[in-house]
Amino acid sequence: MTPAALVAALDYGAVLVFALTGALVASRAQLDPVGFIFMAALTAVGGGTLRDLILGREMVFWVAQPAYVLIAAAAALIVFWTAHLFESRYRWLVWLDSVALGVAVAAGVGVSMEGGFGPVIVVIMGVVTGTFGGLMRDVVGNEVPLVLKQGQLYLTAAFGGALTAVTLVWLGLDRTEALIACAVAVWVLRAGSLHLGWRLPVYRPRPPRDRG
């Protein structure tokens, strides 16, 4: 598979899985079918839209190819009719989001590399693509944003995966393989945080010292 074909596949995959998570949030909020489609589409294309606008691409990806929106709408309606079958929708939401995060970060990295941008921009756009759709979903759905969950690896996982891809390309690895490694690295870090409790130290406030 060529890098361009892989990037397209990653974009489609990220849209599909993020749309499922958006629809799950809609189910928790007890919205109607149109609300499901709105939440799914917002989540699915939010990060990629911001990426394309920042990079100044000729056309935002889902405007150039409306099939992305149709995929999100179809995913929303499927969840609307099946969400009641899942005992713990939040658990499904969190784990589907971890998969979508890895795929979306890799897609953002791939698009940025195709555009000829430098390593710093590539890493930033990978993080933006992976995190902003989910952030919009959680804010609009009145959920605690997963990206801000105390102590969990989320932004760190996105950053680590994007940095992995940039490093591997710099070391001479094929871009296709680097993007796959990026998606895997993001998911492993995120899954490790969810299942094994991997954490980074968090800031703990301390009383001011007595300067007397």
N, C-alpha and C. Protein backbone atom coordinates (compact mmCIF):
# COMPACT_ATOMS: atom_id res chain seq x y z
N MET A 1 0.84 -1.20 0.00
CA MET A 1 0.00 0.00 0.00
C MET A 1 0.88 1.25 0.00
N THR A 2 0.56 2.19 -0.86
CA THR A 2 1.32 3.43 -0.93
C THR A 2 0.99 4.31 0.27
N PRO A 3 1.91 5.25 0.62
CA PRO A 3 1.60 6.16 1.74
C PRO A 3 0.31 6.94 1.53
N ALA A 4 0.05 7.39 0.29
CA ALA A 4 -1.17 8.16 0.02
C ALA A 4 -2.42 7.31 0.26
N ALA A 5 -2.38 6.06 -0.19
CA ALA A 5 -3.52 5.16 0.01
C ALA A 5 -3.72 4.87 1.49
N LEU A 6 -2.62 4.72 2.22
CA LEU A 6 -2.72 4.45 3.66
C LEU A 6 -3.32 5.65 4.39
N VAL A 7 -2.90 6.85 4.02
CA VAL A 7 -3.45 8.06 4.65
C VAL A 7 -4.95 8.14 4.42
N ALA A 8 -5.39 7.86 3.19
CA ALA A 8 -6.83 7.88 2.90
C ALA A 8 -7.57 6.83 3.73
N ALA A 9 -6.99 5.65 3.85
CA ALA A 9 -7.61 4.59 4.64
C ALA A 9 -7.68 4.99 6.11
N LEU A 10 -6.62 5.62 6.61
CA LEU A 10 -6.60 6.07 8.00
C LEU A 10 -7.68 7.12 8.25
N ASP A 11 -7.83 8.05 7.30
CA ASP A 11 -8.87 9.08 7.45
C ASP A 11 -10.26 8.43 7.51
N TYR A 12 -10.52 7.48 6.62
CA TYR A 12 -11.82 6.79 6.63
C TYR A 12 -12.01 6.02 7.94
N GLY A 13 -10.96 5.34 8.37
CA GLY A 13 -11.06 4.58 9.61
C GLY A 13 -11.30 5.47 10.81
N ALA A 14 -10.59 6.60 10.87
CA ALA A 14 -10.77 7.53 11.99
C ALA A 14 -12.18 8.10 12.00
N VAL A 15 -12.71 8.44 10.83
CA VAL A 15 -14.07 8.98 10.73
C VAL A 15 -15.08 7.95 11.24
N LEU A 16 -14.94 6.71 10.81
CA LEU A 16 -15.89 5.67 11.21
C LEU A 16 -15.88 5.45 12.72
N VAL A 17 -14.70 5.25 13.30
CA VAL A 17 -14.63 4.90 14.71
C VAL A 17 -14.97 6.10 15.59
N PHE A 18 -14.50 7.28 15.22
CA PHE A 18 -14.87 8.46 15.99
C PHE A 18 -16.38 8.73 15.90
N ALA A 19 -16.97 8.46 14.73
CA ALA A 19 -18.42 8.63 14.60
C ALA A 19 -19.16 7.71 15.57
N LEU A 20 -18.69 6.50 15.73
CA LEU A 20 -19.30 5.57 16.67
C LEU A 20 -19.24 6.12 18.09
N THR A 21 -18.10 6.71 18.45
CA THR A 21 -17.98 7.26 19.81
C THR A 21 -18.91 8.46 19.99
N GLY A 22 -19.02 9.30 18.95
CA GLY A 22 -19.93 10.43 19.03
C GLY A 22 -21.36 9.99 19.20
N ALA A 23 -21.74 8.93 18.50
CA ALA A 23 -23.10 8.41 18.62
C ALA A 23 -23.34 7.81 20.00
N LEU A 24 -22.32 7.19 20.58
CA LEU A 24 -22.46 6.65 21.93
C LEU A 24 -22.69 7.76 22.94
N VAL A 25 -22.01 8.89 22.77
CA VAL A 25 -22.26 10.04 23.65
C VAL A 25 -23.69 10.54 23.45
N ALA A 26 -24.15 10.55 22.21
CA ALA A 26 -25.53 10.96 21.93
C ALA A 26 -26.52 10.02 22.62
N SER A 27 -26.20 8.74 22.67
CA SER A 27 -27.10 7.78 23.34
C SER A 27 -27.15 8.04 24.84
N ARG A 28 -26.01 8.42 25.41
CA ARG A 28 -25.97 8.73 26.84
C ARG A 28 -26.77 10.01 27.14
N ALA A 29 -26.82 10.91 26.15
CA ALA A 29 -27.59 12.14 26.31
C ALA A 29 -29.04 11.99 25.87
N GLN A 30 -29.40 10.80 25.37
CA GLN A 30 -30.77 10.48 24.95
C GLN A 30 -31.28 11.45 23.87
N LEU A 31 -30.48 11.60 22.81
CA LEU A 31 -30.85 12.49 21.71
C LEU A 31 -31.68 11.74 20.66
N ASP A 32 -32.27 12.50 19.73
CA ASP A 32 -33.03 11.90 18.64
C ASP A 32 -32.07 11.55 17.49
N PRO A 33 -32.56 10.90 16.42
CA PRO A 33 -31.65 10.48 15.34
C PRO A 33 -30.84 11.63 14.73
N VAL A 34 -31.45 12.81 14.58
CA VAL A 34 -30.70 13.94 14.02
C VAL A 34 -29.59 14.35 14.98
N GLY A 35 -29.87 14.31 16.27
CA GLY A 35 -28.84 14.60 17.26
C GLY A 35 -27.70 13.59 17.21
N PHE A 36 -28.05 12.32 16.99
CA PHE A 36 -27.03 11.28 16.84
C PHE A 36 -26.11 11.61 15.65
N ILE A 37 -26.72 11.97 14.52
CA ILE A 37 -25.93 12.26 13.32
C ILE A 37 -25.04 13.48 13.55
N PHE A 38 -25.58 14.49 14.20
CA PHE A 38 -24.79 15.69 14.48
C PHE A 38 -23.58 15.36 15.35
N MET A 39 -23.81 14.62 16.44
CA MET A 39 -22.71 14.29 17.35
C MET A 39 -21.68 13.40 16.66
N ALA A 40 -22.15 12.44 15.87
CA ALA A 40 -21.24 11.55 15.16
C ALA A 40 -20.39 12.31 14.15
N ALA A 41 -21.03 13.18 13.37
CA ALA A 41 -20.30 13.94 12.35
C ALA A 41 -19.33 14.93 12.98
N LEU A 42 -19.76 15.60 14.05
CA LEU A 42 -18.89 16.55 14.73
C LEU A 42 -17.63 15.86 15.23
N THR A 43 -17.80 14.71 15.84
CA THR A 43 -16.66 13.96 16.37
C THR A 43 -15.78 13.43 15.25
N ALA A 44 -16.42 12.94 14.20
CA ALA A 44 -15.69 12.27 13.13
C ALA A 44 -14.80 13.21 12.32
N VAL A 45 -15.29 14.42 12.07
CA VAL A 45 -14.53 15.31 11.16
C VAL A 45 -13.94 16.52 11.87
N GLY A 46 -14.20 16.67 13.17
CA GLY A 46 -13.74 17.86 13.88
C GLY A 46 -12.23 18.06 13.84
N GLY A 47 -11.48 17.03 14.22
CA GLY A 47 -10.03 17.15 14.25
C GLY A 47 -9.43 17.33 12.87
N GLY A 48 -9.93 16.57 11.90
CA GLY A 48 -9.41 16.68 10.53
C GLY A 48 -9.73 18.01 9.90
N THR A 49 -10.90 18.58 10.24
CA THR A 49 -11.26 19.90 9.71
C THR A 49 -10.30 20.96 10.22
N LEU A 50 -10.05 20.96 11.51
CA LEU A 50 -9.11 21.93 12.08
C LEU A 50 -7.72 21.77 11.48
N ARG A 51 -7.29 20.53 11.31
CA ARG A 51 -6.00 20.25 10.67
C ARG A 51 -5.92 20.86 9.29
N ASP A 52 -6.93 20.62 8.47
CA ASP A 52 -6.89 21.10 7.08
C ASP A 52 -6.94 22.62 7.01
N LEU A 53 -7.69 23.25 7.92
CA LEU A 53 -7.75 24.70 7.95
C LEU A 53 -6.41 25.31 8.36
N ILE A 54 -5.79 24.73 9.36
CA ILE A 54 -4.50 25.24 9.81
C ILE A 54 -3.43 25.07 8.74
N LEU A 55 -3.44 23.92 8.07
CA LEU A 55 -2.43 23.65 7.05
C LEU A 55 -2.72 24.38 5.74
N GLY A 56 -3.89 25.00 5.63
CA GLY A 56 -4.23 25.73 4.41
C GLY A 56 -4.39 24.84 3.20
N ARG A 57 -4.93 23.64 3.42
CA ARG A 57 -5.16 22.73 2.29
C ARG A 57 -6.21 23.33 1.35
N GLU A 58 -6.13 22.96 0.11
CA GLU A 58 -7.01 23.53 -0.91
C GLU A 58 -8.48 23.35 -0.56
N MET A 59 -8.82 22.20 0.02
CA MET A 59 -10.21 21.92 0.40
C MET A 59 -10.22 21.00 1.61
N VAL A 60 -11.09 21.28 2.57
CA VAL A 60 -11.24 20.42 3.73
C VAL A 60 -11.65 19.02 3.26
N PHE A 61 -11.09 18.00 3.91
CA PHE A 61 -11.18 16.64 3.37
C PHE A 61 -12.61 16.16 3.16
N TRP A 62 -13.53 16.51 4.06
CA TRP A 62 -14.89 15.99 3.89
C TRP A 62 -15.70 16.84 2.91
N VAL A 63 -15.26 18.05 2.63
CA VAL A 63 -15.90 18.84 1.58
C VAL A 63 -15.51 18.29 0.21
N ALA A 64 -14.24 17.91 0.09
CA ALA A 64 -13.76 17.32 -1.16
C ALA A 64 -14.37 15.94 -1.39
N GLN A 65 -14.65 15.22 -0.32
CA GLN A 65 -15.19 13.87 -0.44
C GLN A 65 -16.31 13.69 0.60
N PRO A 66 -17.55 14.05 0.25
CA PRO A 66 -18.67 13.98 1.20
C PRO A 66 -18.98 12.58 1.73
N ALA A 67 -18.36 11.56 1.14
CA ALA A 67 -18.59 10.20 1.64
C ALA A 67 -18.22 10.07 3.11
N TYR A 68 -17.28 10.89 3.58
CA TYR A 68 -16.91 10.85 5.00
C TYR A 68 -18.13 11.16 5.88
N VAL A 69 -18.90 12.17 5.49
CA VAL A 69 -20.07 12.55 6.27
C VAL A 69 -21.13 11.46 6.21
N LEU A 70 -21.28 10.83 5.06
CA LEU A 70 -22.27 9.75 4.92
C LEU A 70 -21.89 8.57 5.80
N ILE A 71 -20.60 8.28 5.89
CA ILE A 71 -20.13 7.20 6.76
C ILE A 71 -20.48 7.52 8.21
N ALA A 72 -20.23 8.77 8.61
CA ALA A 72 -20.54 9.18 9.98
C ALA A 72 -22.03 9.07 10.26
N ALA A 73 -22.86 9.47 9.31
CA ALA A 73 -24.31 9.40 9.48
C ALA A 73 -24.78 7.95 9.60
N ALA A 74 -24.23 7.09 8.77
CA ALA A 74 -24.61 5.67 8.82
C ALA A 74 -24.22 5.06 10.16
N ALA A 75 -23.00 5.40 10.65
CA ALA A 75 -22.56 4.89 11.95
C ALA A 75 -23.49 5.38 13.06
N ALA A 76 -23.92 6.64 12.96
CA ALA A 76 -24.82 7.21 13.97
C ALA A 76 -26.14 6.45 14.03
N LEU A 77 -26.71 6.15 12.88
CA LEU A 77 -28.01 5.47 12.86
C LEU A 77 -27.88 4.02 13.34
N ILE A 78 -26.76 3.39 13.03
CA ILE A 78 -26.54 2.02 13.53
C ILE A 78 -26.52 2.02 15.06
N VAL A 79 -25.79 2.99 15.64
CA VAL A 79 -25.72 3.06 17.10
C VAL A 79 -27.09 3.42 17.69
N PHE A 80 -27.85 4.29 17.00
CA PHE A 80 -29.17 4.67 17.49
C PHE A 80 -30.06 3.45 17.71
N TRP A 81 -29.96 2.47 16.79
CA TRP A 81 -30.82 1.29 16.88
C TRP A 81 -30.22 0.16 17.71
N THR A 82 -28.93 0.26 18.08
CA THR A 82 -28.29 -0.86 18.77
C THR A 82 -27.68 -0.50 20.12
N ALA A 83 -27.62 0.78 20.48
CA ALA A 83 -26.93 1.18 21.71
C ALA A 83 -27.51 0.51 22.95
N HIS A 84 -28.81 0.22 22.93
CA HIS A 84 -29.45 -0.39 24.10
C HIS A 84 -28.93 -1.81 24.37
N LEU A 85 -28.24 -2.39 23.40
CA LEU A 85 -27.74 -3.76 23.56
C LEU A 85 -26.48 -3.81 24.41
N PHE A 86 -25.82 -2.67 24.60
CA PHE A 86 -24.55 -2.64 25.33
C PHE A 86 -24.80 -2.30 26.79
N GLU A 87 -24.25 -3.16 27.66
CA GLU A 87 -24.46 -2.97 29.10
C GLU A 87 -23.75 -1.72 29.61
N SER A 88 -22.50 -1.51 29.15
CA SER A 88 -21.73 -0.35 29.59
C SER A 88 -21.30 0.46 28.37
N ARG A 89 -22.11 1.44 28.01
CA ARG A 89 -21.79 2.24 26.83
C ARG A 89 -20.55 3.11 27.06
N TYR A 90 -20.33 3.52 28.30
CA TYR A 90 -19.15 4.35 28.56
C TYR A 90 -17.87 3.55 28.34
N ARG A 91 -17.88 2.30 28.74
CA ARG A 91 -16.70 1.46 28.53
C ARG A 91 -16.42 1.29 27.03
N TRP A 92 -17.47 1.04 26.27
CA TRP A 92 -17.32 0.96 24.81
C TRP A 92 -16.80 2.28 24.25
N LEU A 93 -17.33 3.37 24.77
CA LEU A 93 -16.90 4.69 24.31
C LEU A 93 -15.41 4.88 24.51
N VAL A 94 -14.93 4.56 25.69
CA VAL A 94 -13.52 4.79 26.02
C VAL A 94 -12.59 3.94 25.15
N TRP A 95 -12.94 2.68 24.96
CA TRP A 95 -12.06 1.81 24.19
C TRP A 95 -12.14 2.08 22.69
N LEU A 96 -13.33 2.39 22.18
CA LEU A 96 -13.41 2.79 20.77
C LEU A 96 -12.64 4.08 20.54
N ASP A 97 -12.72 4.99 21.51
CA ASP A 97 -11.99 6.24 21.39
C ASP A 97 -10.49 5.99 21.34
N SER A 98 -10.00 5.00 22.07
CA SER A 98 -8.56 4.71 22.05
C SER A 98 -8.11 4.25 20.67
N VAL A 99 -8.96 3.46 20.00
CA VAL A 99 -8.65 3.02 18.63
C VAL A 99 -8.69 4.20 17.67
N ALA A 100 -9.75 5.00 17.79
CA ALA A 100 -9.89 6.17 16.92
C ALA A 100 -8.74 7.14 17.10
N LEU A 101 -8.29 7.31 18.33
CA LEU A 101 -7.17 8.22 18.60
C LEU A 101 -5.94 7.79 17.83
N GLY A 102 -5.59 6.50 17.90
CA GLY A 102 -4.42 6.03 17.19
C GLY A 102 -4.52 6.21 15.69
N VAL A 103 -5.67 5.88 15.13
CA VAL A 103 -5.86 5.99 13.68
C VAL A 103 -5.82 7.45 13.24
N ALA A 104 -6.48 8.33 14.02
CA ALA A 104 -6.55 9.74 13.64
C ALA A 104 -5.20 10.44 13.75
N VAL A 105 -4.45 10.13 14.79
CA VAL A 105 -3.11 10.72 14.91
C VAL A 105 -2.25 10.34 13.71
N ALA A 106 -2.29 9.07 13.34
CA ALA A 106 -1.53 8.61 12.17
C ALA A 106 -2.00 9.31 10.90
N ALA A 107 -3.31 9.52 10.77
CA ALA A 107 -3.83 10.22 9.60
C ALA A 107 -3.32 11.65 9.55
N GLY A 108 -3.34 12.34 10.70
CA GLY A 108 -2.85 13.71 10.75
C GLY A 108 -1.37 13.80 10.44
N VAL A 109 -0.61 12.86 10.94
CA VAL A 109 0.82 12.82 10.64
C VAL A 109 1.04 12.59 9.15
N GLY A 110 0.29 11.65 8.57
CA GLY A 110 0.45 11.34 7.16
C GLY A 110 0.11 12.51 6.25
N VAL A 111 -0.99 13.20 6.55
CA VAL A 111 -1.39 14.36 5.74
C VAL A 111 -0.32 15.44 5.82
N SER A 112 0.20 15.67 7.00
CA SER A 112 1.23 16.71 7.17
C SER A 112 2.51 16.35 6.44
N MET A 113 2.88 15.09 6.50
CA MET A 113 4.08 14.65 5.77
C MET A 113 3.89 14.81 4.27
N GLU A 114 2.71 14.45 3.78
CA GLU A 114 2.42 14.61 2.35
C GLU A 114 2.54 16.07 1.92
N GLY A 115 2.19 16.98 2.82
CA GLY A 115 2.26 18.40 2.52
C GLY A 115 3.65 18.98 2.59
N GLY A 116 4.62 18.16 3.00
CA GLY A 116 6.00 18.61 3.06
C GLY A 116 6.35 19.45 4.28
N PHE A 117 5.56 19.35 5.33
CA PHE A 117 5.82 20.15 6.52
C PHE A 117 6.92 19.52 7.37
N GLY A 118 7.55 20.34 8.20
CA GLY A 118 8.64 19.89 9.04
C GLY A 118 8.16 19.08 10.23
N PRO A 119 9.09 18.47 10.98
CA PRO A 119 8.75 17.57 12.09
C PRO A 119 7.87 18.20 13.16
N VAL A 120 8.14 19.45 13.52
CA VAL A 120 7.34 20.08 14.58
C VAL A 120 5.88 20.19 14.17
N ILE A 121 5.62 20.65 12.95
CA ILE A 121 4.25 20.79 12.47
C ILE A 121 3.60 19.42 12.32
N VAL A 122 4.36 18.45 11.85
CA VAL A 122 3.81 17.09 11.68
C VAL A 122 3.32 16.55 13.02
N VAL A 123 4.12 16.71 14.06
CA VAL A 123 3.73 16.21 15.39
C VAL A 123 2.50 16.95 15.91
N ILE A 124 2.51 18.28 15.77
CA ILE A 124 1.38 19.07 16.26
C ILE A 124 0.09 18.69 15.53
N MET A 125 0.17 18.54 14.21
CA MET A 125 -1.03 18.20 13.44
C MET A 125 -1.52 16.79 13.74
N GLY A 126 -0.61 15.90 14.06
CA GLY A 126 -1.03 14.57 14.50
C GLY A 126 -1.84 14.64 15.78
N VAL A 127 -1.36 15.44 16.73
CA VAL A 127 -2.07 15.59 18.00
C VAL A 127 -3.42 16.29 17.79
N VAL A 128 -3.43 17.35 16.98
CA VAL A 128 -4.67 18.08 16.71
C VAL A 128 -5.72 17.18 16.07
N THR A 129 -5.31 16.42 15.05
CA THR A 129 -6.25 15.54 14.36
C THR A 129 -6.81 14.48 15.29
N GLY A 130 -5.98 13.98 16.17
CA GLY A 130 -6.42 12.90 17.05
C GLY A 130 -7.28 13.33 18.22
N THR A 131 -7.11 14.58 18.68
CA THR A 131 -7.74 14.95 19.95
C THR A 131 -8.93 15.90 19.84
N PHE A 132 -8.98 16.75 18.81
CA PHE A 132 -9.98 17.81 18.83
C PHE A 132 -11.39 17.33 18.53
N GLY A 133 -11.54 16.28 17.72
CA GLY A 133 -12.88 15.75 17.48
C GLY A 133 -13.49 15.21 18.75
N GLY A 134 -12.71 14.44 19.50
CA GLY A 134 -13.19 13.90 20.77
C GLY A 134 -13.45 14.98 21.80
N LEU A 135 -12.60 16.01 21.79
CA LEU A 135 -12.80 17.12 22.73
C LEU A 135 -14.12 17.84 22.44
N MET A 136 -14.39 18.11 21.15
CA MET A 136 -15.67 18.74 20.78
C MET A 136 -16.84 17.85 21.19
N ARG A 137 -16.72 16.57 20.94
CA ARG A 137 -17.78 15.60 21.31
C ARG A 137 -18.11 15.68 22.79
N ASP A 138 -17.09 15.64 23.63
CA ASP A 138 -17.31 15.60 25.07
C ASP A 138 -17.86 16.92 25.61
N VAL A 139 -17.37 18.03 25.07
CA VAL A 139 -17.86 19.34 25.52
C VAL A 139 -19.33 19.52 25.14
N VAL A 140 -19.67 19.23 23.88
CA VAL A 140 -21.05 19.38 23.43
C VAL A 140 -21.97 18.38 24.13
N GLY A 141 -21.47 17.18 24.37
CA GLY A 141 -22.27 16.15 25.02
C GLY A 141 -22.29 16.23 26.54
N ASN A 142 -21.66 17.28 27.09
CA ASN A 142 -21.65 17.50 28.54
C ASN A 142 -21.00 16.34 29.29
N GLU A 143 -19.95 15.77 28.68
CA GLU A 143 -19.16 14.73 29.31
C GLU A 143 -17.85 15.34 29.80
N VAL A 144 -17.23 14.71 30.79
CA VAL A 144 -15.89 15.13 31.18
C VAL A 144 -14.95 14.76 30.04
N PRO A 145 -14.26 15.73 29.42
CA PRO A 145 -13.41 15.40 28.26
C PRO A 145 -12.37 14.34 28.59
N LEU A 146 -12.32 13.30 27.78
CA LEU A 146 -11.32 12.25 28.00
C LEU A 146 -9.90 12.81 27.95
N VAL A 147 -9.71 13.84 27.12
CA VAL A 147 -8.38 14.42 26.96
C VAL A 147 -7.90 15.07 28.25
N LEU A 148 -8.83 15.39 29.17
CA LEU A 148 -8.48 16.07 30.41
C LEU A 148 -8.61 15.18 31.64
N LYS A 149 -8.85 13.89 31.44
CA LYS A 149 -8.96 12.98 32.58
C LYS A 149 -7.65 12.98 33.36
N GLN A 150 -7.75 13.23 34.66
CA GLN A 150 -6.55 13.42 35.47
C GLN A 150 -5.65 12.19 35.44
N GLY A 151 -4.39 12.43 35.07
CA GLY A 151 -3.38 11.40 35.16
C GLY A 151 -3.36 10.40 34.02
N GLN A 152 -4.41 10.34 33.18
CA GLN A 152 -4.42 9.35 32.10
C GLN A 152 -3.58 9.82 30.92
N LEU A 153 -3.03 8.85 30.21
CA LEU A 153 -2.25 9.16 29.01
C LEU A 153 -3.19 9.33 27.83
N TYR A 154 -3.40 10.56 27.40
CA TYR A 154 -4.22 10.84 26.23
C TYR A 154 -3.45 11.75 25.28
N LEU A 155 -3.26 12.99 25.69
CA LEU A 155 -2.40 13.87 24.89
C LEU A 155 -1.00 13.27 24.78
N THR A 156 -0.54 12.68 25.88
CA THR A 156 0.79 12.07 25.87
C THR A 156 0.86 10.93 24.88
N ALA A 157 -0.21 10.12 24.81
CA ALA A 157 -0.24 9.02 23.85
C ALA A 157 -0.21 9.54 22.42
N ALA A 158 -1.00 10.59 22.15
CA ALA A 158 -1.02 11.18 20.80
C ALA A 158 0.34 11.75 20.44
N PHE A 159 0.93 12.48 21.38
CA PHE A 159 2.25 13.06 21.13
C PHE A 159 3.30 11.97 20.93
N GLY A 160 3.25 10.94 21.76
CA GLY A 160 4.23 9.86 21.64
C GLY A 160 4.15 9.13 20.31
N GLY A 161 2.93 8.89 19.83
CA GLY A 161 2.77 8.22 18.54
C GLY A 161 3.24 9.07 17.39
N ALA A 162 2.88 10.36 17.41
CA ALA A 162 3.33 11.26 16.33
C ALA A 162 4.85 11.38 16.31
N LEU A 163 5.43 11.48 17.49
CA LEU A 163 6.90 11.57 17.58
C LEU A 163 7.56 10.29 17.11
N THR A 164 6.92 9.16 17.39
CA THR A 164 7.45 7.87 16.90
C THR A 164 7.53 7.85 15.38
N ALA A 165 6.46 8.31 14.72
CA ALA A 165 6.45 8.32 13.25
C ALA A 165 7.54 9.23 12.70
N VAL A 166 7.66 10.43 13.25
CA VAL A 166 8.67 11.37 12.77
C VAL A 166 10.07 10.80 12.96
N THR A 167 10.30 10.17 14.10
CA THR A 167 11.62 9.61 14.38
C THR A 167 11.95 8.46 13.43
N LEU A 168 10.97 7.59 13.19
CA LEU A 168 11.21 6.45 12.31
C LEU A 168 11.49 6.90 10.87
N VAL A 169 10.76 7.91 10.39
CA VAL A 169 11.03 8.43 9.05
C VAL A 169 12.41 9.05 8.99
N TRP A 170 12.79 9.78 10.04
CA TRP A 170 14.13 10.39 10.10
C TRP A 170 15.22 9.31 10.08
N LEU A 171 14.91 8.16 10.68
CA LEU A 171 15.88 7.06 10.69
C LEU A 171 15.90 6.28 9.38
N GLY A 172 15.02 6.63 8.44
CA GLY A 172 15.03 6.01 7.12
C GLY A 172 13.97 4.96 6.89
N LEU A 173 13.05 4.77 7.84
CA LEU A 173 11.99 3.79 7.64
C LEU A 173 10.98 4.29 6.62
N ASP A 174 10.39 3.37 5.88
CA ASP A 174 9.36 3.72 4.92
C ASP A 174 8.21 4.43 5.61
N ARG A 175 7.63 5.45 4.95
CA ARG A 175 6.58 6.24 5.57
C ARG A 175 5.36 5.40 5.92
N THR A 176 5.01 4.45 5.07
CA THR A 176 3.86 3.59 5.36
C THR A 176 4.05 2.84 6.67
N GLU A 177 5.22 2.25 6.84
CA GLU A 177 5.51 1.51 8.06
C GLU A 177 5.54 2.44 9.27
N ALA A 178 6.05 3.66 9.08
CA ALA A 178 6.11 4.62 10.18
C ALA A 178 4.71 5.01 10.65
N LEU A 179 3.78 5.17 9.72
CA LEU A 179 2.41 5.54 10.09
C LEU A 179 1.71 4.40 10.83
N ILE A 180 1.96 3.18 10.39
CA ILE A 180 1.40 2.03 11.11
C ILE A 180 1.96 1.97 12.53
N ALA A 181 3.27 2.18 12.65
CA ALA A 181 3.90 2.19 13.97
C ALA A 181 3.34 3.31 14.84
N CYS A 182 3.04 4.44 14.22
CA CYS A 182 2.44 5.57 14.94
C CYS A 182 1.11 5.17 15.55
N ALA A 183 0.22 4.60 14.74
CA ALA A 183 -1.10 4.20 15.24
C ALA A 183 -0.99 3.18 16.36
N VAL A 184 -0.09 2.22 16.20
CA VAL A 184 0.10 1.18 17.22
C VAL A 184 0.64 1.79 18.51
N ALA A 185 1.62 2.69 18.39
CA ALA A 185 2.21 3.31 19.58
C ALA A 185 1.18 4.11 20.36
N VAL A 186 0.35 4.86 19.65
CA VAL A 186 -0.70 5.64 20.33
C VAL A 186 -1.64 4.70 21.08
N TRP A 187 -2.10 3.66 20.40
CA TRP A 187 -3.06 2.76 21.04
C TRP A 187 -2.44 2.03 22.23
N VAL A 188 -1.21 1.59 22.11
CA VAL A 188 -0.55 0.88 23.21
C VAL A 188 -0.43 1.78 24.44
N LEU A 189 -0.02 3.03 24.22
CA LEU A 189 0.10 3.95 25.34
C LEU A 189 -1.25 4.23 25.99
N ARG A 190 -2.26 4.45 25.16
CA ARG A 190 -3.60 4.73 25.68
C ARG A 190 -4.19 3.51 26.37
N ALA A 191 -4.05 2.34 25.76
CA ALA A 191 -4.57 1.11 26.36
C ALA A 191 -3.84 0.78 27.65
N GLY A 192 -2.54 1.02 27.68
CA GLY A 192 -1.78 0.79 28.90
C GLY A 192 -2.25 1.68 30.03
N SER A 193 -2.61 2.90 29.69
CA SER A 193 -3.14 3.82 30.70
C SER A 193 -4.49 3.35 31.23
N LEU A 194 -5.35 2.87 30.31
CA LEU A 194 -6.69 2.44 30.71
C LEU A 194 -6.68 1.12 31.46
N HIS A 195 -5.89 0.17 30.99
CA HIS A 195 -5.95 -1.19 31.53
C HIS A 195 -4.92 -1.45 32.62
N LEU A 196 -3.73 -0.86 32.47
CA LEU A 196 -2.64 -1.14 33.40
C LEU A 196 -2.34 0.03 34.34
N GLY A 197 -3.03 1.14 34.12
CA GLY A 197 -2.83 2.27 35.01
C GLY A 197 -1.58 3.08 34.76
N TRP A 198 -1.03 3.01 33.55
CA TRP A 198 0.16 3.82 33.25
C TRP A 198 -0.18 5.29 33.45
N ARG A 199 0.69 6.02 34.10
CA ARG A 199 0.45 7.41 34.40
C ARG A 199 1.75 8.21 34.30
N LEU A 200 1.61 9.51 34.11
CA LEU A 200 2.70 10.45 34.31
C LEU A 200 2.43 11.19 35.62
N PRO A 201 3.48 11.71 36.26
CA PRO A 201 3.24 12.50 37.47
C PRO A 201 2.37 13.70 37.15
N VAL A 202 1.47 14.05 38.06
CA VAL A 202 0.63 15.22 37.90
C VAL A 202 1.01 16.27 38.93
N TYR A 203 0.69 17.50 38.63
CA TYR A 203 1.02 18.59 39.54
C TYR A 203 0.21 18.48 40.83
N ARG A 204 0.91 18.60 41.96
CA ARG A 204 0.26 18.61 43.26
C ARG A 204 0.56 19.93 43.95
N PRO A 205 -0.46 20.74 44.25
CA PRO A 205 -0.20 22.02 44.89
C PRO A 205 0.40 21.84 46.29
N ARG A 206 1.29 22.72 46.66
CA ARG A 206 1.90 22.68 47.98
C ARG A 206 1.69 24.04 48.66
N PRO A 207 1.59 24.02 49.98
CA PRO A 207 1.44 25.32 50.68
C PRO A 207 2.69 26.15 50.48
N PRO A 208 2.53 27.48 50.39
CA PRO A 208 3.72 28.34 50.21
C PRO A 208 4.65 28.25 51.39
N ARG A 209 5.93 28.39 51.11
CA ARG A 209 6.92 28.35 52.18
C ARG A 209 6.85 29.64 53.00
N ASP A 210 7.13 29.47 54.27
CA ASP A 210 7.17 30.63 55.16
C ASP A 210 8.48 31.36 54.93
N ARG A 211 8.41 32.57 54.42
CA ARG A 211 9.63 33.32 54.13
C ARG A 211 10.04 34.21 55.30
N GLY A 212 9.33 34.05 56.41
CA GLY A 212 9.64 34.89 57.56
C GLY A 212 10.94 34.50 58.27
